[in-house]
PDB file of N, CA and C in Angstrom:
ATOM      1  N   MET A   1     -32.963  24.334  13.470  1.00  0.00           N
ATOM      2  CA  MET A   1     -31.904  23.480  12.972  1.00  0.00           C
ATOM      3  C   MET A   1     -32.372  22.037  13.025  1.00  0.00           C
ATOM      4  N   LYS A   2     -32.214  21.340  11.906  1.00  0.00           N
ATOM      5  CA  LYS A   2     -32.636  19.943  11.833  1.00  0.00           C
ATOM      6  C   LYS A   2     -31.505  19.043  12.293  1.00  0.00           C
ATOM      7  N   LYS A   3     -31.897  18.016  12.992  1.00  0.00           N
ATOM      8  CA  LYS A   3     -30.902  17.040  13.440  1.00  0.00           C
ATOM      9  C   LYS A   3     -30.742  15.972  12.368  1.00  0.00           C
ATOM     10  N   ILE A   4     -29.500  15.648  12.070  1.00  0.00           N
ATOM     11  CA  ILE A   4     -29.205  14.634  11.066  1.00  0.00           C
ATOM     12  C   ILE A   4     -28.761  13.367  11.775  1.00  0.00           C
ATOM     13  N   ASP A   5     -29.409  12.273  11.418  1.00  0.00           N
ATOM     14  CA  ASP A   5     -29.038  10.972  11.977  1.00  0.00           C
ATOM     15  C   ASP A   5     -27.999  10.341  11.045  1.00  0.00           C
ATOM     16  N   PHE A   6     -26.730  10.487  11.409  1.00  0.00           N
ATOM     17  CA  PHE A   6     -25.651  10.006  10.552  1.00  0.00           C
ATOM     18  C   PHE A   6     -25.666   8.487  10.393  1.00  0.00           C
ATOM     19  N   GLU A   7     -26.160   7.781  11.386  1.00  0.00           N
ATOM     20  CA  GLU A   7     -26.238   6.326  11.282  1.00  0.00           C
ATOM     21  C   GLU A   7     -27.187   5.924  10.148  1.00  0.00           C
ATOM     22  N   LYS A   8     -28.302   6.642  10.018  1.00  0.00           N
ATOM     23  CA  LYS A   8     -29.245   6.354   8.928  1.00  0.00           C
ATOM     24  C   LYS A   8     -28.637   6.701   7.580  1.00  0.00           C
ATOM     25  N   VAL A   9     -27.918   7.806   7.539  1.00  0.00           N
ATOM     26  CA  VAL A   9     -27.282   8.211   6.282  1.00  0.00           C
ATOM     27  C   VAL A   9     -26.265   7.162   5.856  1.00  0.00           C
ATOM     28  N   ILE A  10     -25.487   6.672   6.787  1.00  0.00           N
ATOM     29  CA  ILE A  10     -24.487   5.648   6.483  1.00  0.00           C
ATOM     30  C   ILE A  10     -25.174   4.360   6.027  1.00  0.00           C
ATOM     31  N   ALA A  11     -26.266   3.996   6.691  1.00  0.00           N
ATOM     32  CA  ALA A  11     -26.984   2.773   6.333  1.00  0.00           C
ATOM     33  C   ALA A  11     -27.587   2.875   4.930  1.00  0.00           C
ATOM     34  N   LEU A  12     -28.032   4.046   4.543  1.00  0.00           N
ATOM     35  CA  LEU A  12     -28.641   4.238   3.231  1.00  0.00           C
ATOM     36  C   LEU A  12     -27.618   4.468   2.118  1.00  0.00           C
ATOM     37  N   SER A  13     -26.424   4.793   2.492  1.00  0.00           N
ATOM     38  CA  SER A  13     -25.396   5.117   1.513  1.00  0.00           C
ATOM     39  C   SER A  13     -24.981   3.885   0.714  1.00  0.00           C
ATOM     40  N   LYS A  14     -24.747   4.093  -0.575  1.00  0.00           N
ATOM     41  CA  LYS A  14     -24.282   3.005  -1.424  1.00  0.00           C
ATOM     42  C   LYS A  14     -22.766   2.999  -1.541  1.00  0.00           C
ATOM     43  N   LEU A  15     -22.119   3.940  -0.912  1.00  0.00           N
ATOM     44  CA  LEU A  15     -20.662   4.014  -0.946  1.00  0.00           C
ATOM     45  C   LEU A  15     -20.062   3.034   0.046  1.00  0.00           C
ATOM     46  N   ASN A  16     -18.943   2.464  -0.328  1.00  0.00           N
ATOM     47  CA  ASN A  16     -18.238   1.541   0.558  1.00  0.00           C
ATOM     48  C   ASN A  16     -17.436   2.322   1.580  1.00  0.00           C
ATOM     49  N   ASP A  17     -17.373   1.778   2.779  1.00  0.00           N
ATOM     50  CA  ASP A  17     -16.492   2.368   3.781  1.00  0.00           C
ATOM     51  C   ASP A  17     -15.073   2.053   3.366  1.00  0.00           C
ATOM     52  N   LYS A  18     -14.234   3.063   3.365  1.00  0.00           N
ATOM     53  CA  LYS A  18     -12.846   2.858   2.993  1.00  0.00           C
ATOM     54  C   LYS A  18     -11.968   3.474   4.069  1.00  0.00           C
ATOM     55  N   GLU A  19     -10.968   2.725   4.421  1.00  0.00           N
ATOM     56  CA  GLU A  19     -10.028   3.179   5.434  1.00  0.00           C
ATOM     57  C   GLU A  19      -9.296   4.418   4.920  1.00  0.00           C
ATOM     58  N   ILE A  20      -9.186   5.426   5.764  1.00  0.00           N
ATOM     59  CA  ILE A  20      -8.468   6.634   5.392  1.00  0.00           C
ATOM     60  C   ILE A  20      -6.975   6.354   5.541  1.00  0.00           C
ATOM     61  N   ILE A  21      -6.248   6.638   4.481  1.00  0.00           N
ATOM     62  CA  ILE A  21      -4.815   6.348   4.467  1.00  0.00           C
ATOM     63  C   ILE A  21      -4.049   7.657   4.468  1.00  0.00           C
ATOM     64  N   ASP A  22      -3.079   7.741   5.352  1.00  0.00           N
ATOM     65  CA  ASP A  22      -2.214   8.915   5.419  1.00  0.00           C
ATOM     66  C   ASP A  22      -1.021   8.667   4.498  1.00  0.00           C
ATOM     67  N   PRO A  23      -0.956   9.354   3.350  1.00  0.00           N
ATOM     68  CA  PRO A  23       0.124   9.089   2.400  1.00  0.00           C
ATOM     69  C   PRO A  23       1.515   9.382   2.961  1.00  0.00           C
ATOM     70  N   VAL A  24       1.630  10.373   3.820  1.00  0.00           N
ATOM     71  CA  VAL A  24       2.936  10.718   4.391  1.00  0.00           C
ATOM     72  C   VAL A  24       3.440   9.585   5.292  1.00  0.00           C
ATOM     73  N   ALA A  25       2.554   9.057   6.124  1.00  0.00           N
ATOM     74  CA  ALA A  25       2.939   7.955   7.015  1.00  0.00           C
ATOM     75  C   ALA A  25       3.314   6.719   6.202  1.00  0.00           C
ATOM     76  N   LEU A  26       2.553   6.448   5.158  1.00  0.00           N
ATOM     77  CA  LEU A  26       2.831   5.294   4.306  1.00  0.00           C
ATOM     78  C   LEU A  26       4.167   5.468   3.580  1.00  0.00           C
ATOM     79  N   TYR A  27       4.420   6.655   3.050  1.00  0.00           N
ATOM     80  CA  TYR A  27       5.686   6.946   2.370  1.00  0.00           C
ATOM     81  C   TYR A  27       6.864   6.776   3.330  1.00  0.00           C
ATOM     82  N   ASN A  28       6.715   7.320   4.543  1.00  0.00           N
ATOM     83  CA  ASN A  28       7.796   7.217   5.533  1.00  0.00           C
ATOM     84  C   ASN A  28       8.065   5.769   5.932  1.00  0.00           C
ATOM     85  N   ARG A  29       6.997   4.974   6.036  1.00  0.00           N
ATOM     86  CA  ARG A  29       7.149   3.558   6.381  1.00  0.00           C
ATOM     87  C   ARG A  29       7.914   2.827   5.268  1.00  0.00           C
ATOM     88  N   LEU A  30       7.582   3.136   4.023  1.00  0.00           N
ATOM     89  CA  LEU A  30       8.271   2.501   2.902  1.00  0.00           C
ATOM     90  C   LEU A  30       9.709   2.983   2.794  1.00  0.00           C
ATOM     91  N   LYS A  31       9.928   4.239   3.145  1.00  0.00           N
ATOM     92  CA  LYS A  31      11.267   4.821   3.063  1.00  0.00           C
ATOM     93  C   LYS A  31      12.235   4.148   4.045  1.00  0.00           C
ATOM     94  N   ARG A  32      11.709   3.631   5.141  1.00  0.00           N
ATOM     95  CA  ARG A  32      12.547   2.968   6.152  1.00  0.00           C
ATOM     96  C   ARG A  32      13.041   1.595   5.710  1.00  0.00           C
ATOM     97  N   LEU A  33      12.424   1.026   4.660  1.00  0.00           N
ATOM     98  CA  LEU A  33      12.856  -0.289   4.190  1.00  0.00           C
ATOM     99  C   LEU A  33      14.235  -0.174   3.546  1.00  0.00           C
ATOM    100  N   SER A  34      15.097  -1.133   3.841  1.00  0.00           N
ATOM    101  CA  SER A  34      16.445  -1.137   3.266  1.00  0.00           C
ATOM    102  C   SER A  34      16.399  -1.701   1.840  1.00  0.00           C
ATOM    103  N   ASN A  35      17.501  -1.546   1.129  1.00  0.00           N
ATOM    104  CA  ASN A  35      17.593  -2.111  -0.227  1.00  0.00           C
ATOM    105  C   ASN A  35      17.383  -3.624  -0.198  1.00  0.00           C
ATOM    106  N   ASP A  36      17.925  -4.286   0.825  1.00  0.00           N
ATOM    107  CA  ASP A  36      17.754  -5.735   0.954  1.00  0.00           C
ATOM    108  C   ASP A  36      16.292  -6.104   1.186  1.00  0.00           C
ATOM    109  N   ASP A  37      15.577  -5.293   1.976  1.00  0.00           N
ATOM    110  CA  ASP A  37      14.145  -5.537   2.206  1.00  0.00           C
ATOM    111  C   ASP A  37      13.373  -5.461   0.892  1.00  0.00           C
ATOM    112  N   TRP A  38      13.667  -4.431   0.099  1.00  0.00           N
ATOM    113  CA  TRP A  38      12.980  -4.262  -1.191  1.00  0.00           C
ATOM    114  C   TRP A  38      13.265  -5.451  -2.109  1.00  0.00           C
ATOM    115  N   LYS A  39      14.532  -5.867  -2.161  1.00  0.00           N
ATOM    116  CA  LYS A  39      14.901  -6.999  -3.016  1.00  0.00           C
ATOM    117  C   LYS A  39      14.211  -8.273  -2.545  1.00  0.00           C
ATOM    118  N   ARG A  40      14.126  -8.441  -1.235  1.00  0.00           N
ATOM    119  CA  ARG A  40      13.461  -9.628  -0.682  1.00  0.00           C
ATOM    120  C   ARG A  40      11.979  -9.630  -1.024  1.00  0.00           C
ATOM    121  N   ILE A  41      11.344  -8.462  -0.927  1.00  0.00           N
ATOM    122  CA  ILE A  41       9.921  -8.344  -1.253  1.00  0.00           C
ATOM    123  C   ILE A  41       9.691  -8.700  -2.716  1.00  0.00           C
ATOM    124  N   ILE A  42      10.511  -8.163  -3.585  1.00  0.00           N
ATOM    125  CA  ILE A  42      10.371  -8.446  -5.024  1.00  0.00           C
ATOM    126  C   ILE A  42      10.624  -9.925  -5.312  1.00  0.00           C
ATOM    127  N   ASP A  43      11.695 -10.480  -4.732  1.00  0.00           N
ATOM    128  CA  ASP A  43      12.012 -11.893  -4.958  1.00  0.00           C
ATOM    129  C   ASP A  43      10.911 -12.811  -4.437  1.00  0.00           C
ATOM    130  N   LEU A  44      10.412 -12.531  -3.238  1.00  0.00           N
ATOM    131  CA  LEU A  44       9.328 -13.351  -2.678  1.00  0.00           C
ATOM    132  C   LEU A  44       8.074 -13.278  -3.538  1.00  0.00           C
ATOM    133  N   GLY A  45       7.755 -12.078  -3.993  1.00  0.00           N
ATOM    134  CA  GLY A  45       6.571 -11.910  -4.832  1.00  0.00           C
ATOM    135  C   GLY A  45       6.676 -12.701  -6.126  1.00  0.00           C
ATOM    136  N   GLU A  46       7.877 -12.721  -6.714  1.00  0.00           N
ATOM    137  CA  GLU A  46       8.084 -13.467  -7.963  1.00  0.00           C
ATOM    138  C   GLU A  46       8.117 -14.969  -7.729  1.00  0.00           C
ATOM    139  N   GLN A  47       8.887 -15.402  -6.732  1.00  0.00           N
ATOM    140  CA  GLN A  47       9.088 -16.831  -6.512  1.00  0.00           C
ATOM    141  C   GLN A  47       7.833 -17.538  -6.014  1.00  0.00           C
ATOM    142  N   THR A  48       7.074 -16.883  -5.156  1.00  0.00           N
ATOM    143  CA  THR A  48       5.875 -17.518  -4.608  1.00  0.00           C
ATOM    144  C   THR A  48       4.664 -17.290  -5.491  1.00  0.00           C
ATOM    145  N   GLN A  49       4.818 -16.428  -6.489  1.00  0.00           N
ATOM    146  CA  GLN A  49       3.723 -16.041  -7.381  1.00  0.00           C
ATOM    147  C   GLN A  49       2.527 -15.487  -6.613  1.00  0.00           C
ATOM    148  N   THR A  50       2.820 -14.893  -5.447  1.00  0.00           N
ATOM    149  CA  THR A  50       1.797 -14.245  -4.640  1.00  0.00           C
ATOM    150  C   THR A  50       1.391 -12.926  -5.277  1.00  0.00           C
ATOM    151  N   LEU A  51       2.347 -12.276  -5.937  1.00  0.00           N
ATOM    152  CA  LEU A  51       2.097 -10.981  -6.555  1.00  0.00           C
ATOM    153  C   LEU A  51       2.099 -11.118  -8.069  1.00  0.00           C
ATOM    154  N   GLY A  52       1.212 -10.378  -8.691  1.00  0.00           N
ATOM    155  CA  GLY A  52       1.130 -10.390 -10.146  1.00  0.00           C
ATOM    156  C   GLY A  52       2.154  -9.450 -10.768  1.00  0.00           C
ATOM    157  N   PHE A  53       2.211  -9.477 -12.099  1.00  0.00           N
ATOM    158  CA  PHE A  53       3.156  -8.653 -12.844  1.00  0.00           C
ATOM    159  C   PHE A  53       2.956  -7.172 -12.551  1.00  0.00           C
ATOM    160  N   ASN A  54       1.705  -6.728 -12.527  1.00  0.00           N
ATOM    161  CA  ASN A  54       1.419  -5.305 -12.285  1.00  0.00           C
ATOM    162  C   ASN A  54       1.862  -4.869 -10.894  1.00  0.00           C
ATOM    163  N   GLU A  55       1.598  -5.711  -9.895  1.00  0.00           N
ATOM    164  CA  GLU A  55       2.010  -5.383  -8.527  1.00  0.00           C
ATOM    165  C   GLU A  55       3.531  -5.276  -8.430  1.00  0.00           C
ATOM    166  N   LEU A  56       4.216  -6.219  -9.040  1.00  0.00           N
ATOM    167  CA  LEU A  56       5.684  -6.196  -9.014  1.00  0.00           C
ATOM    168  C   LEU A  56       6.231  -4.966  -9.738  1.00  0.00           C
ATOM    169  N   SER A  57       5.604  -4.600 -10.834  1.00  0.00           N
ATOM    170  CA  SER A  57       6.034  -3.404 -11.571  1.00  0.00           C
ATOM    171  C   SER A  57       5.879  -2.150 -10.732  1.00  0.00           C
ATOM    172  N   VAL A  58       4.756  -2.051 -10.027  1.00  0.00           N
ATOM    173  CA  VAL A  58       4.514  -0.885  -9.174  1.00  0.00           C
ATOM    174  C   VAL A  58       5.518  -0.863  -8.028  1.00  0.00           C
ATOM    175  N   ILE A  59       5.801  -2.013  -7.441  1.00  0.00           N
ATOM    176  CA  ILE A  59       6.772  -2.088  -6.343  1.00  0.00           C
ATOM    177  C   ILE A  59       8.141  -1.614  -6.825  1.00  0.00           C
ATOM    178  N   LYS A  60       8.563  -2.075  -7.987  1.00  0.00           N
ATOM    179  CA  LYS A  60       9.865  -1.672  -8.524  1.00  0.00           C
ATOM    180  C   LYS A  60       9.898  -0.172  -8.800  1.00  0.00           C
ATOM    181  N   THR A  61       8.804   0.373  -9.329  1.00  0.00           N
ATOM    182  CA  THR A  61       8.726   1.808  -9.617  1.00  0.00           C
ATOM    183  C   THR A  61       8.800   2.621  -8.331  1.00  0.00           C
ATOM    184  N   VAL A  62       8.045   2.202  -7.326  1.00  0.00           N
ATOM    185  CA  VAL A  62       8.031   2.927  -6.047  1.00  0.00           C
ATOM    186  C   VAL A  62       9.406   2.851  -5.391  1.00  0.00           C
ATOM    187  N   PHE A  63      10.044   1.703  -5.454  1.00  0.00           N
ATOM    188  CA  PHE A  63      11.392   1.542  -4.893  1.00  0.00           C
ATOM    189  C   PHE A  63      12.351   2.545  -5.537  1.00  0.00           C
ATOM    190  N   GLN A  64      12.307   2.665  -6.858  1.00  0.00           N
ATOM    191  CA  GLN A  64      13.179   3.616  -7.558  1.00  0.00           C
ATOM    192  C   GLN A  64      12.848   5.058  -7.181  1.00  0.00           C
ATOM    193  N   LYS A  65      11.562   5.375  -7.077  1.00  0.00           N
ATOM    194  CA  LYS A  65      11.152   6.738  -6.734  1.00  0.00           C
ATOM    195  C   LYS A  65      11.568   7.095  -5.309  1.00  0.00           C
ATOM    196  N   ILE A  66      11.507   6.135  -4.404  1.00  0.00           N
ATOM    197  CA  ILE A  66      11.923   6.391  -3.023  1.00  0.00           C
ATOM    198  C   ILE A  66      13.433   6.618  -2.974  1.00  0.00           C
ATOM    199  N   LYS A  67      14.193   5.846  -3.734  1.00  0.00           N
ATOM    200  CA  LYS A  67      15.645   6.034  -3.763  1.00  0.00           C
ATOM    201  C   LYS A  67      16.012   7.422  -4.280  1.00  0.00           C
ATOM    202  N   ARG A  68      15.229   7.920  -5.237  1.00  0.00           N
ATOM    203  CA  ARG A  68      15.490   9.250  -5.805  1.00  0.00           C
ATOM    204  C   ARG A  68      14.768  10.358  -5.047  1.00  0.00           C
ATOM    205  N   GLU A  69      14.025   9.966  -3.999  1.00  0.00           N
ATOM    206  CA  GLU A  69      13.246  10.900  -3.172  1.00  0.00           C
ATOM    207  C   GLU A  69      12.264  11.715  -4.010  1.00  0.00           C
ATOM    208  N   GLU A  70      11.574  11.032  -4.921  1.00  0.00           N
ATOM    209  CA  GLU A  70      10.558  11.654  -5.760  1.00  0.00           C
ATOM    210  C   GLU A  70       9.179  11.470  -5.136  1.00  0.00           C
ATOM    211  N   ASN A  71       8.232  12.261  -5.593  1.00  0.00           N
ATOM    212  CA  ASN A  71       6.851  12.125  -5.129  1.00  0.00           C
ATOM    213  C   ASN A  71       6.224  10.874  -5.745  1.00  0.00           C
ATOM    214  N   ILE A  72       5.345  10.263  -4.968  1.00  0.00           N
ATOM    215  CA  ILE A  72       4.651   9.051  -5.414  1.00  0.00           C
ATOM    216  C   ILE A  72       3.172   9.260  -5.176  1.00  0.00           C
ATOM    217  N   ASP A  73       2.359   8.904  -6.175  1.00  0.00           N
ATOM    218  CA  ASP A  73       0.919   9.096  -6.010  1.00  0.00           C
ATOM    219  C   ASP A  73       0.346   8.062  -5.034  1.00  0.00           C
ATOM    220  N   LEU A  74      -0.782   8.414  -4.435  1.00  0.00           N
ATOM    221  CA  LEU A  74      -1.400   7.599  -3.387  1.00  0.00           C
ATOM    222  C   LEU A  74      -1.774   6.204  -3.893  1.00  0.00           C
ATOM    223  N   LYS A  75      -2.244   6.109  -5.126  1.00  0.00           N
ATOM    224  CA  LYS A  75      -2.668   4.810  -5.657  1.00  0.00           C
ATOM    225  C   LYS A  75      -1.505   3.817  -5.663  1.00  0.00           C
ATOM    226  N   ARG A  76      -0.335   4.270  -6.088  1.00  0.00           N
ATOM    227  CA  ARG A  76       0.839   3.388  -6.086  1.00  0.00           C
ATOM    228  C   ARG A  76       1.244   3.003  -4.668  1.00  0.00           C
ATOM    229  N   LEU A  77       1.181   3.971  -3.763  1.00  0.00           N
ATOM    230  CA  LEU A  77       1.515   3.669  -2.365  1.00  0.00           C
ATOM    231  C   LEU A  77       0.569   2.610  -1.806  1.00  0.00           C
ATOM    232  N   GLU A  78      -0.716   2.726  -2.133  1.00  0.00           N
ATOM    233  CA  GLU A  78      -1.703   1.744  -1.662  1.00  0.00           C
ATOM    234  C   GLU A  78      -1.414   0.358  -2.231  1.00  0.00           C
ATOM    235  N   ILE A  79      -1.067   0.291  -3.517  1.00  0.00           N
ATOM    236  CA  ILE A  79      -0.773  -1.003  -4.151  1.00  0.00           C
ATOM    237  C   ILE A  79       0.422  -1.668  -3.475  1.00  0.00           C
ATOM    238  N   VAL A  80       1.466  -0.899  -3.202  1.00  0.00           N
ATOM    239  CA  VAL A  80       2.652  -1.451  -2.540  1.00  0.00           C
ATOM    240  C   VAL A  80       2.300  -1.910  -1.125  1.00  0.00           C
ATOM    241  N   ASP A  81       1.529  -1.117  -0.414  1.00  0.00           N
ATOM    242  CA  ASP A  81       1.126  -1.462   0.944  1.00  0.00           C
ATOM    243  C   ASP A  81       0.349  -2.788   0.959  1.00  0.00           C
ATOM    244  N   ILE A  82      -0.618  -2.917   0.080  1.00  0.00           N
ATOM    245  CA  ILE A  82      -1.424  -4.142   0.004  1.00  0.00           C
ATOM    246  C   ILE A  82      -0.546  -5.330  -0.395  1.00  0.00           C
ATOM    247  N   SER A  83       0.357  -5.110  -1.339  1.00  0.00           N
ATOM    248  CA  SER A  83       1.237  -6.192  -1.802  1.00  0.00           C
ATOM    249  C   SER A  83       2.151  -6.689  -0.692  1.00  0.00           C
ATOM    250  N   ILE A  84       2.721  -5.764   0.049  1.00  0.00           N
ATOM    251  CA  ILE A  84       3.617  -6.164   1.141  1.00  0.00           C
ATOM    252  C   ILE A  84       2.837  -6.904   2.225  1.00  0.00           C
ATOM    253  N   LYS A  85       1.618  -6.481   2.480  1.00  0.00           N
ATOM    254  CA  LYS A  85       0.795  -7.185   3.473  1.00  0.00           C
ATOM    255  C   LYS A  85       0.507  -8.615   3.044  1.00  0.00           C
ATOM    256  N   LYS A  86       0.404  -8.861   1.736  1.00  0.00           N
ATOM    257  CA  LYS A  86       0.200 -10.214   1.237  1.00  0.00           C
ATOM    258  C   LYS A  86       1.415 -11.106   1.550  1.00  0.00           C
ATOM    259  N   LEU A  87       2.595 -10.489   1.667  1.00  0.00           N
ATOM    260  CA  LEU A  87       3.827 -11.246   1.884  1.00  0.00           C
ATOM    261  C   LEU A  87       4.177 -11.411   3.353  1.00  0.00           C
ATOM    262  N   LYS A  88       3.370 -10.872   4.254  1.00  0.00           N
ATOM    263  CA  LYS A  88       3.669 -10.975   5.694  1.00  0.00           C
ATOM    264  C   LYS A  88       3.742 -12.430   6.148  1.00  0.00           C
ATOM    265  N   LYS A  89       2.955 -13.309   5.518  1.00  0.00           N
ATOM    266  CA  LYS A  89       2.965 -14.718   5.916  1.00  0.00           C
ATOM    267  C   LYS A  89       4.320 -15.389   5.644  1.00  0.00           C
ATOM    268  N   PHE A  90       5.147 -14.741   4.817  1.00  0.00           N
ATOM    269  CA  PHE A  90       6.486 -15.251   4.517  1.00  0.00           C
ATOM    270  C   PHE A  90       7.550 -14.602   5.373  1.00  0.00           C
ATOM    271  N   GLY A  91       7.128 -13.830   6.371  1.00  0.00           N
ATOM    272  CA  GLY A  91       8.074 -13.253   7.318  1.00  0.00           C
ATOM    273  C   GLY A  91       8.575 -11.854   6.971  1.00  0.00           C
ATOM    274  N   VAL A  92       7.908 -11.198   6.045  1.00  0.00           N
ATOM    275  CA  VAL A  92       8.317  -9.837   5.688  1.00  0.00           C
ATOM    276  C   VAL A  92       7.904  -8.900   6.808  1.00  0.00           C
ATOM    277  N   LYS A  93       8.863  -8.189   7.368  1.00  0.00           N
ATOM    278  CA  LYS A  93       8.594  -7.222   8.432  1.00  0.00           C
ATOM    279  C   LYS A  93       8.326  -5.878   7.793  1.00  0.00           C
ATOM    280  N   TYR A  94       7.212  -5.252   8.214  1.00  0.00           N
ATOM    281  CA  TYR A  94       6.811  -3.997   7.584  1.00  0.00           C
ATOM    282  C   TYR A  94       6.215  -3.076   8.604  1.00  0.00           C
TER     283      TYR A  94
END
C-alpha cells in the first residue's frame, strides 16, 4: 500500500479551497429571520447601495420561497448568506 501525502496533493492542486456549507443549517438560519428582518435587509441593501440588483432579486426570491416553505437551491442560499454578511456593519443580526 502506497502512502499518499495529502499536503503535497493540496499544494499541487489548482482547485481553490472552499468552505463546506451545510444547506440545511443555512436554510434554518434564514428561516428564523422575521418579516421585519427581511424588509430591513432589503431596505439597507437598496439605500446603502451595498447590494446590487441581482443580489436584491435573489434575496427577495429566497424570502418568498421561505415564506411558502419551498426548496431553495444552494447557490441562492450562498448569495443571500454573503449579502447579509455584507450588511453586518449596519447592525444586521444574523
